């Protein structure tokens, strides 16, 4: 594993998003020159504004589904551009498919031109509503290709396929990370995912919404651990997909009770119908990550949730109470 990254040039797409912004921080800390790229459909400039004054950080406002050009040398590419929450990819389904297909194709082409190593951000959603538990990398998944969630699931599955095709046909250095539920500072409060949804409701004094009977499970990984796993995978010699996530599984109902206890609020839990194709179980098998990358979870949920709650408590009242404001209409025209 390479350890000296001083002055390496790194392109990170989705740089203004939750994980993308933390990756920018990580590679800046390593002494790299970081080029962040984002079209800001779901990303927020506030996530990376602390980097704008740095000589080693450059930001390109660009949509990767269009031709991508970066002048000069590029050593590493990390492709994290994609809507990642149901509330986003259900509003912009075509753009979600395009960024996973056209966007990935453009970036693989750039990696080939620059002779750069590229890491593709895949997801546990490639497993769909799994029939195998916990999920390991050899499981092919149980995905509804024509269901509403298929736009995200299939975009990521295609992304993995074209990445491996470039690896096998062109000899491109590729890495694929399958990301399980991750949380921490810089998550969008209204992005529809479990943790920001629960914390936002608790802080606003609203009842916590649980879908279905709440017995469906998730496994939550703190962002610092996730970034460390991604970093290790990029610098490894392993080209097949690797799960990065926390195998500590919990039901959504039990998790809602944890949130109420953490926030010191007295909200009730209310139940709504389960969305179509919502996975009933989600737990990563991280044997590969342990053996190949020497990676393991360090942050326990109690500690990670405390740090995340402190972040959300620091939001302004306007941020806490505003509804999702992003206008997706122009991104659905084609």
Protein backbone atom coordinates (compact mmCIF):
# COMPACT_ATOMS: atom_id res chain seq x y z
CA UNK A 1 0.00 0.00 0.00
CA UNK A 2 1.35 3.40 -1.03
CA UNK A 3 1.75 5.71 1.96
CA UNK A 4 3.38 8.88 0.61
CA UNK A 5 0.72 10.87 -1.27
CA UNK A 6 2.44 14.24 -1.07
CA UNK A 7 1.61 16.31 -4.19
CA UNK A 8 -0.50 13.60 -5.84
CA UNK A 9 -3.37 15.09 -7.88
CA UNK A 10 -6.78 13.70 -6.95
CA UNK A 11 -10.11 14.32 -8.69
CA UNK A 12 -13.17 13.79 -6.47
CA UNK A 13 -16.61 13.95 -8.07
CA UNK A 14 -19.60 14.67 -5.87
CA UNK A 15 -17.14 16.76 -3.86
CA UNK A 16 -19.79 18.95 -2.21
CA UNK A 17 -21.78 15.98 -1.00
CA UNK A 18 -21.66 14.22 2.36
CA UNK A 19 -18.95 11.64 1.64
CA UNK A 20 -17.28 13.62 -1.15
CA UNK A 21 -16.56 16.57 1.12
CA UNK A 22 -15.03 14.34 3.80
CA UNK A 23 -12.85 12.72 1.13
CA UNK A 24 -11.66 16.18 0.05
CA UNK A 25 -10.58 16.81 3.64
CA UNK A 26 -8.83 13.44 3.85
CA UNK A 27 -6.71 13.94 0.74
CA UNK A 28 -5.89 17.55 1.59
CA UNK A 29 -4.61 16.27 4.95
CA UNK A 30 -2.42 13.80 3.04
CA UNK A 31 -0.74 16.65 1.17
CA UNK A 32 -2.53 16.02 -2.14
CA UNK A 33 -3.71 18.56 -4.65
CA UNK A 34 -7.48 18.04 -4.72
CA UNK A 35 -9.79 18.89 -7.61
CA UNK A 36 -13.39 18.82 -6.43
CA UNK A 37 -16.16 18.50 -9.01
CA UNK A 38 -19.91 18.79 -8.41
CA UNK A 39 -22.97 20.08 -10.27
CA UNK A 40 -24.62 20.89 -6.91
CA UNK A 41 -27.89 19.09 -7.65
CA UNK A 42 -27.75 17.53 -4.20
CA UNK A 43 -24.36 18.77 -2.95
CA UNK A 44 -23.92 21.85 -0.76
CA UNK A 45 -21.09 24.35 -1.20
CA UNK A 46 -21.07 24.93 2.57
CA UNK A 47 -19.56 21.44 2.93
CA UNK A 48 -16.35 22.51 1.18
CA UNK A 49 -16.24 26.29 1.62
CA UNK A 50 -13.55 25.87 4.29
CA UNK A 51 -11.26 24.56 1.52
CA UNK A 52 -11.72 27.42 -0.95
CA UNK A 53 -8.81 29.47 0.36
CA UNK A 54 -6.33 26.61 0.09
CA UNK A 55 -3.74 26.61 -2.68
CA UNK A 56 -4.11 22.83 -3.10
CA UNK A 57 -7.88 22.85 -3.63
CA UNK A 58 -9.72 23.68 -6.84
CA UNK A 59 -13.47 23.42 -7.44
CA UNK A 60 -15.13 22.78 -10.81
CA UNK A 61 -18.90 23.33 -11.04
CA UNK A 62 -19.57 20.64 -13.63
CA UNK A 63 -21.99 17.82 -14.49
CA UNK A 64 -20.02 14.60 -15.10
CA UNK A 65 -22.70 13.28 -17.47
CA UNK A 66 -21.19 15.79 -19.90
CA UNK A 67 -17.61 15.49 -21.21
CA UNK A 68 -15.09 15.78 -18.37
CA UNK A 69 -11.79 17.56 -18.96
CA UNK A 70 -9.17 18.18 -16.31
CA UNK A 71 -5.94 19.84 -17.46
CA UNK A 72 -2.64 18.35 -16.38
CA UNK A 73 -1.76 15.20 -14.53
CA UNK A 74 -4.31 13.22 -12.52
CA UNK A 75 -3.13 10.36 -10.29
CA UNK A 76 -6.37 9.24 -8.65
CA UNK A 77 -10.08 9.65 -9.41
CA UNK A 78 -12.81 8.97 -6.85
CA UNK A 79 -16.27 8.93 -8.45
CA UNK A 80 -18.85 9.87 -5.81
CA UNK A 81 -21.21 11.93 -7.96
CA UNK A 82 -24.72 10.53 -7.56
CA UNK A 83 -27.91 11.17 -5.65
CA UNK A 84 -27.72 8.76 -2.71
CA UNK A 85 -31.01 9.06 -0.86
CA UNK A 86 -34.48 7.91 -1.93
CA UNK A 87 -35.95 11.41 -1.69
CA UNK A 88 -33.38 12.54 -4.28
CA UNK A 89 -33.25 9.69 -6.77
CA UNK A 90 -37.04 9.33 -6.83
CA UNK A 91 -37.28 13.03 -7.79
CA UNK A 92 -34.52 12.87 -10.42
CA UNK A 93 -34.64 9.27 -11.67
CA UNK A 94 -33.24 9.94 -15.14
CA UNK A 95 -30.34 12.04 -13.86
CA UNK A 96 -29.60 9.26 -11.36
CA UNK A 97 -29.36 6.72 -14.17
CA UNK A 98 -27.27 9.09 -16.29
CA UNK A 99 -24.68 9.85 -13.62
CA UNK A 100 -24.23 6.12 -12.97
CA UNK A 101 -23.89 5.30 -16.67
CA UNK A 102 -22.77 8.28 -18.77
CA UNK A 103 -20.96 9.90 -15.85
CA UNK A 104 -19.08 6.73 -14.99
CA UNK A 105 -18.22 6.17 -18.66
CA UNK A 106 -16.81 9.70 -18.91
CA UNK A 107 -14.68 9.28 -15.81
CA UNK A 108 -13.37 5.87 -16.82
CA UNK A 109 -12.38 7.45 -20.12
CA UNK A 110 -10.59 10.24 -18.27
CA UNK A 111 -8.80 7.70 -16.06
CA UNK A 112 -7.67 5.83 -19.18
CA UNK A 113 -6.41 9.04 -20.79
CA UNK A 114 -4.55 10.15 -17.65
CA UNK A 115 -3.39 6.63 -16.69
CA UNK A 116 -4.99 7.28 -13.31
CA UNK A 117 -6.32 4.81 -10.76
CA UNK A 118 -10.09 5.20 -10.31
CA UNK A 119 -12.29 4.22 -7.38
CA UNK A 120 -16.02 3.88 -8.01
CA UNK A 121 -18.53 4.43 -5.20
CA UNK A 122 -21.03 1.61 -5.37
CA UNK A 123 -23.56 0.77 -2.69
CA UNK A 124 -25.16 -1.98 -0.65
CA UNK A 125 -28.27 -1.30 -2.76
CA UNK A 126 -26.77 -3.57 -5.44
CA UNK A 127 -27.93 -6.39 -3.14
CA UNK A 128 -31.54 -5.14 -3.30
CA UNK A 129 -33.85 -6.74 -0.74
CA UNK A 130 -31.36 -9.51 0.07
CA UNK A 131 -32.12 -13.20 0.38
CA UNK A 132 -28.68 -13.76 1.92
CA UNK A 133 -27.78 -12.39 5.35
CA UNK A 134 -25.35 -10.87 6.09
CA UNK A 135 -24.44 -9.74 2.57
CA UNK A 136 -21.02 -10.67 1.21
CA UNK A 137 -19.44 -9.57 -2.04
CA UNK A 138 -20.15 -12.85 -3.85
CA UNK A 139 -23.94 -12.40 -3.47
CA UNK A 140 -25.52 -11.25 -6.75
CA UNK A 141 -28.52 -9.53 -5.16
CA UNK A 142 -32.31 -9.44 -5.39
CA UNK A 143 -33.18 -6.25 -7.25
CA UNK A 144 -36.44 -5.14 -8.87
CA UNK A 145 -35.14 -3.60 -12.10
CA UNK A 146 -38.42 -1.83 -12.94
CA UNK A 147 -39.40 -0.70 -9.44
CA UNK A 148 -39.03 2.94 -8.34
CA UNK A 149 -35.76 2.21 -6.53
CA UNK A 150 -34.38 0.45 -9.61
CA UNK A 151 -33.10 3.75 -11.02
CA UNK A 152 -30.49 3.87 -8.25
CA UNK A 153 -29.88 0.14 -7.81
CA UNK A 154 -29.39 -0.52 -11.52
CA UNK A 155 -27.30 2.62 -12.05
CA UNK A 156 -24.88 1.28 -9.46
CA UNK A 157 -24.93 -2.27 -10.83
CA UNK A 158 -24.17 -0.96 -14.33
CA UNK A 159 -21.46 1.22 -12.84
CA UNK A 160 -19.75 -1.85 -11.42
CA UNK A 161 -20.08 -3.72 -14.73
CA UNK A 162 -18.56 -1.01 -16.91
CA UNK A 163 -15.78 -0.46 -14.37
CA UNK A 164 -14.80 -4.12 -14.50
CA UNK A 165 -15.02 -4.04 -18.31
CA UNK A 166 -12.50 -1.17 -18.40
CA UNK A 167 -10.31 -3.07 -15.93
CA UNK A 168 -10.33 -6.27 -17.96
CA UNK A 169 -10.28 -4.83 -21.50
CA UNK A 170 -8.09 -1.75 -21.03
CA UNK A 171 -6.05 -2.88 -18.03
CA UNK A 172 -7.27 0.18 -16.10
CA UNK A 173 -6.48 0.30 -12.38
CA UNK A 174 -9.94 0.25 -10.81
CA UNK A 175 -11.38 -0.12 -7.31
CA UNK A 176 -15.03 -0.62 -6.29
CA UNK A 177 -16.34 0.14 -2.81
CA UNK A 178 -19.81 -1.05 -1.77
CA UNK A 179 -20.91 1.50 0.81
CA UNK A 180 -23.39 0.55 3.52
CA UNK A 181 -25.45 3.08 5.50
CA UNK A 182 -23.11 5.83 6.63
CA UNK A 183 -23.81 8.80 8.90
CA UNK A 184 -22.13 11.81 10.45
CA UNK A 185 -21.70 15.58 10.13
CA UNK A 186 -22.68 17.19 6.79
CA UNK A 187 -25.62 14.91 6.09
CA UNK A 188 -28.51 16.88 4.66
CA UNK A 189 -31.28 17.20 7.22
CA UNK A 190 -34.10 16.67 4.71
CA UNK A 191 -32.56 14.04 2.44
CA UNK A 192 -34.96 11.29 3.54
CA UNK A 193 -32.41 8.98 5.13
CA UNK A 194 -33.09 7.46 8.53
CA UNK A 195 -30.67 9.31 10.79
CA UNK A 196 -31.18 12.93 9.62
CA UNK A 197 -34.93 12.28 9.39
CA UNK A 198 -35.12 11.05 13.00
CA UNK A 199 -32.82 13.75 14.35
CA UNK A 200 -34.64 16.51 12.51
CA UNK A 201 -37.99 15.32 13.82
CA UNK A 202 -36.67 15.06 17.38
CA UNK A 203 -35.09 18.53 17.31
CA UNK A 204 -38.29 20.05 15.88
CA UNK A 205 -40.42 18.31 18.52
CA UNK A 206 -42.20 16.13 15.96
CA UNK A 207 -43.14 12.48 16.31
CA UNK A 208 -40.64 10.04 14.79
CA UNK A 209 -41.85 8.35 11.62
CA UNK A 210 -41.17 4.62 11.26
CA UNK A 211 -42.12 2.89 8.01
CA UNK A 212 -43.69 -0.57 8.12
CA UNK A 213 -43.54 -2.35 11.48
CA UNK A 214 -40.02 -1.05 12.17
CA UNK A 215 -38.54 -4.54 12.35
CA UNK A 216 -36.49 -4.00 9.19
CA UNK A 217 -32.81 -3.67 10.03
CA UNK A 218 -29.95 -1.37 9.11
CA UNK A 219 -26.26 -1.22 10.01
CA UNK A 220 -24.88 2.29 10.47
CA UNK A 221 -21.21 3.19 9.89
CA UNK A 222 -19.71 6.46 11.16
CA UNK A 223 -18.25 8.63 8.42
CA UNK A 224 -14.65 8.61 9.73
CA UNK A 225 -14.57 4.81 9.54
CA UNK A 226 -16.12 4.81 6.07
CA UNK A 227 -13.56 7.32 4.75
CA UNK A 228 -10.70 5.28 6.21
CA UNK A 229 -11.99 2.16 4.47
CA UNK A 230 -12.34 3.94 1.13
CA UNK A 231 -8.85 5.39 1.47
CA UNK A 232 -7.34 1.99 2.21
CA UNK A 233 -9.16 0.39 -0.72
CA UNK A 234 -7.96 3.06 -3.17
CA UNK A 235 -4.35 2.42 -2.18
CA UNK A 236 -4.69 -1.37 -2.16
CA UNK A 237 -4.01 -3.77 -5.04
CA UNK A 238 -7.52 -5.27 -5.00
CA UNK A 239 -9.82 -4.64 -7.99
CA UNK A 240 -13.02 -6.52 -7.06
CA UNK A 241 -15.81 -4.97 -4.95
CA UNK A 242 -15.32 -4.61 -1.19
CA UNK A 243 -18.02 -3.97 1.41
CA UNK A 244 -17.31 -1.10 3.79
CA UNK A 245 -19.83 -0.74 6.59
CA UNK A 246 -20.56 -1.48 10.22
CA UNK A 247 -21.96 -5.00 10.83
CA UNK A 248 -23.63 -3.89 14.10
CA UNK A 249 -27.25 -4.46 13.03
CA UNK A 250 -30.27 -2.78 14.65
CA UNK A 251 -33.97 -2.63 13.87
CA UNK A 252 -35.40 0.74 12.83
CA UNK A 253 -37.83 0.63 15.75
CA UNK A 254 -35.05 0.08 18.30
CA UNK A 255 -33.03 2.79 16.59
CA UNK A 256 -35.91 5.27 16.92
CA UNK A 257 -35.96 4.54 20.66
CA UNK A 258 -32.20 5.21 20.78
CA UNK A 259 -32.71 8.59 19.09
CA UNK A 260 -35.38 9.60 21.59
CA UNK A 261 -33.05 8.67 24.44
CA UNK A 262 -30.07 10.46 22.86
CA UNK A 263 -31.95 13.70 22.18
CA UNK A 264 -33.72 13.75 25.53
CA UNK A 265 -37.04 14.34 23.83
CA UNK A 266 -40.39 12.68 24.51
CA UNK A 267 -41.76 12.18 21.01
CA UNK A 268 -44.03 9.31 20.13
CA UNK A 269 -43.27 6.90 17.31
CA UNK A 270 -45.80 6.88 14.46
CA UNK A 271 -46.02 4.23 11.74
CA UNK A 272 -46.50 4.67 7.99
CA UNK A 273 -46.65 2.13 5.13
CA UNK A 274 -43.34 0.63 4.00
CA UNK A 275 -42.14 2.03 0.63
CA UNK A 276 -42.03 -0.39 -2.30
CA UNK A 277 -38.89 -2.59 -2.44
CA UNK A 278 -37.49 -1.14 0.80
CA UNK A 279 -34.89 -3.70 2.00
CA UNK A 280 -35.95 -5.65 5.08
CA UNK A 281 -32.38 -6.49 6.13
CA UNK A 282 -29.07 -4.75 5.65
CA UNK A 283 -25.86 -6.00 7.26
CA UNK A 284 -22.42 -6.13 5.65
CA UNK A 285 -20.05 -9.05 5.79
CA UNK A 286 -16.74 -7.19 6.15
CA UNK A 287 -14.44 -10.22 6.13
CA UNK A 288 -12.77 -9.04 2.90
CA UNK A 289 -12.17 -5.53 4.24
CA UNK A 290 -10.55 -6.96 7.36
CA UNK A 291 -8.35 -9.45 5.51
CA UNK A 292 -7.36 -7.40 2.45
CA UNK A 293 -7.34 -3.85 3.81
CA UNK A 294 -6.65 -4.40 7.50
CA UNK A 295 -9.76 -2.29 8.09
CA UNK A 296 -12.31 -2.57 10.87
CA UNK A 297 -14.88 -0.39 12.59
CA UNK A 298 -13.47 1.89 15.28
CA UNK A 299 -16.39 4.17 16.15
CA UNK A 300 -19.23 2.64 18.14
CA UNK A 301 -22.75 3.86 17.42
CA UNK A 302 -23.14 5.61 20.79
CA UNK A 303 -20.08 7.78 20.12
CA UNK A 304 -20.84 8.39 16.45
CA UNK A 305 -24.46 9.33 17.12
CA UNK A 306 -23.39 11.77 19.83
CA UNK A 307 -21.06 13.55 17.38
CA UNK A 308 -23.75 13.58 14.72
CA UNK A 309 -26.35 14.96 17.12
CA UNK A 310 -23.97 17.76 18.12
CA UNK A 311 -23.67 18.68 14.43
CA UNK A 312 -27.44 18.81 13.91
CA UNK A 313 -27.93 20.76 17.15
CA UNK A 314 -25.59 23.39 15.70
CA UNK A 315 -27.87 24.10 12.74
CA UNK A 316 -29.67 27.40 12.68
CA UNK A 317 -33.42 27.51 13.32
CA UNK A 318 -33.92 28.38 9.66
CA UNK A 319 -31.96 25.30 8.56
CA UNK A 320 -33.79 23.10 11.05
CA UNK A 321 -37.30 24.11 10.01
CA UNK A 322 -36.94 24.76 6.28
CA UNK A 323 -38.38 22.22 3.89
CA UNK A 324 -36.31 20.71 1.07
CA UNK A 325 -35.73 23.64 -1.27
CA UNK A 326 -33.83 22.20 -4.19
CA UNK A 327 -35.42 22.62 -7.61
CA UNK A 328 -34.96 19.41 -9.56
CA UNK A 329 -37.25 20.34 -12.49
CA UNK A 330 -34.52 21.35 -14.94
CA UNK A 331 -32.71 18.03 -14.40
CA UNK A 332 -35.67 15.93 -15.56
CA UNK A 333 -36.07 17.39 -19.06
CA UNK A 334 -34.13 14.71 -20.92
